[in-house]
Amino acid sequence: MARHTAKRANAKAPKEPDAVHMLKADHKQVKQLFHRFRTAPADERRRIAGQLFAELEIHTVLEEELFYPALRRAVTSGDDSEVEA
């Protein structure tokens, strides 16, 4: 039993998503919403447009607060590893 507890204590916590992966997922979400908007009946477009605006605001925050600062740190430090926020 102590052995099982030790294994659990040594297990790594899930890694936080980095800025690049978050932006890629956001791009996918926005693309899907644009596709839904283009194919939606007129009465649904207003609701989908509202979702698009919200997603684009989130995207802007991800870029400004996570991605760009992480990119600046990586460039100024000369770090060749993946950019992480």
Protein backbone atom coordinates (compact mmCIF):
# COMPACT_ATOMS: atom_id res chain seq x y z
CA MET A 1 0.00 0.00 0.00
CA ALA A 2 2.81 2.44 0.81
CA ARG A 3 4.31 1.60 -2.54
CA HIS A 4 1.12 2.57 -4.37
CA THR A 5 0.95 5.87 -2.46
CA ALA A 6 4.58 6.64 -3.33
CA LYS A 7 3.90 6.08 -7.02
CA ARG A 8 0.93 8.43 -6.88
CA ALA A 9 2.98 11.10 -5.06
CA ASN A 10 5.73 10.87 -7.70
CA ALA A 11 3.30 11.15 -10.62
CA LYS A 12 3.66 14.43 -12.46
CA ALA A 13 0.75 16.82 -12.45
CA PRO A 14 -0.78 17.41 -15.87
CA LYS A 15 1.15 20.05 -17.80
CA GLU A 16 -0.61 23.35 -18.34
CA PRO A 17 -1.39 23.96 -22.01
CA ASP A 18 1.15 26.24 -23.65
CA ALA A 19 0.28 29.34 -25.65
CA VAL A 20 0.91 27.71 -29.05
CA HIS A 21 -1.41 24.79 -28.36
CA MET A 22 -4.06 27.08 -26.93
CA LEU A 23 -3.96 29.29 -30.02
CA LYS A 24 -4.13 26.30 -32.36
CA ALA A 25 -7.19 24.99 -30.53
CA ASP A 26 -8.73 28.45 -30.66
CA HIS A 27 -8.09 28.70 -34.42
CA LYS A 28 -9.86 25.38 -34.90
CA GLN A 29 -12.86 26.57 -32.85
CA VAL A 30 -13.12 29.84 -34.80
CA LYS A 31 -12.87 28.03 -38.16
CA GLN A 32 -15.69 25.72 -37.12
CA LEU A 33 -17.84 28.67 -36.09
CA PHE A 34 -17.22 30.44 -39.42
CA HIS A 35 -18.23 27.27 -41.25
CA ARG A 36 -21.39 26.99 -39.14
CA PHE A 37 -22.15 30.67 -39.80
CA ARG A 38 -21.83 30.24 -43.57
CA THR A 39 -24.10 27.19 -43.63
CA ALA A 40 -26.61 28.29 -40.96
CA PRO A 41 -30.10 29.53 -41.66
CA ALA A 42 -30.47 33.30 -41.36
CA ASP A 43 -32.24 33.09 -37.99
CA GLU A 44 -29.23 31.31 -36.40
CA ARG A 45 -26.50 33.56 -37.79
CA ARG A 46 -26.92 36.27 -35.14
CA ARG A 47 -26.29 33.77 -32.32
CA ILE A 48 -23.30 32.25 -34.11
CA ALA A 49 -21.91 35.73 -34.82
CA GLY A 50 -22.09 36.46 -31.08
CA GLN A 51 -20.10 33.28 -30.39
CA LEU A 52 -17.56 34.31 -33.04
CA PHE A 53 -17.07 37.72 -31.46
CA ALA A 54 -16.56 36.13 -28.04
CA GLU A 55 -14.05 33.61 -29.44
CA LEU A 56 -12.13 36.32 -31.29
CA GLU A 57 -11.90 38.36 -28.08
CA ILE A 58 -10.50 35.29 -26.29
CA HIS A 59 -8.07 34.77 -29.15
CA THR A 60 -6.83 38.34 -28.85
CA VAL A 61 -6.26 37.94 -25.11
CA LEU A 62 -4.38 34.66 -25.66
CA GLU A 63 -2.10 36.35 -28.17
CA GLU A 64 -1.52 39.56 -26.20
CA GLU A 65 -1.18 38.11 -22.71
CA LEU A 66 0.33 34.66 -23.32
CA PHE A 67 1.74 34.09 -26.78
CA TYR A 68 3.51 37.38 -27.55
CA PRO A 69 5.18 37.71 -24.12
CA ALA A 70 6.34 34.06 -24.29
CA LEU A 71 7.67 34.62 -27.81
CA ARG A 72 9.51 37.76 -26.70
CA ARG A 73 11.10 35.87 -23.77
CA ALA A 74 12.18 33.02 -26.06
CA VAL A 75 13.64 35.40 -28.67
CA THR A 76 15.50 37.57 -26.19
CA SER A 77 16.89 34.57 -24.28
CA GLY A 78 17.91 32.78 -27.49
CA ASP A 79 15.93 29.74 -26.37
CA ASP A 80 15.32 27.34 -29.26
CA SER A 81 12.75 25.24 -27.38
CA GLU A 82 9.04 25.50 -28.01
CA VAL A 83 7.46 28.76 -26.89
CA GLU A 84 5.49 28.23 -23.69
CA ALA A 85 3.55 30.71 -21.63
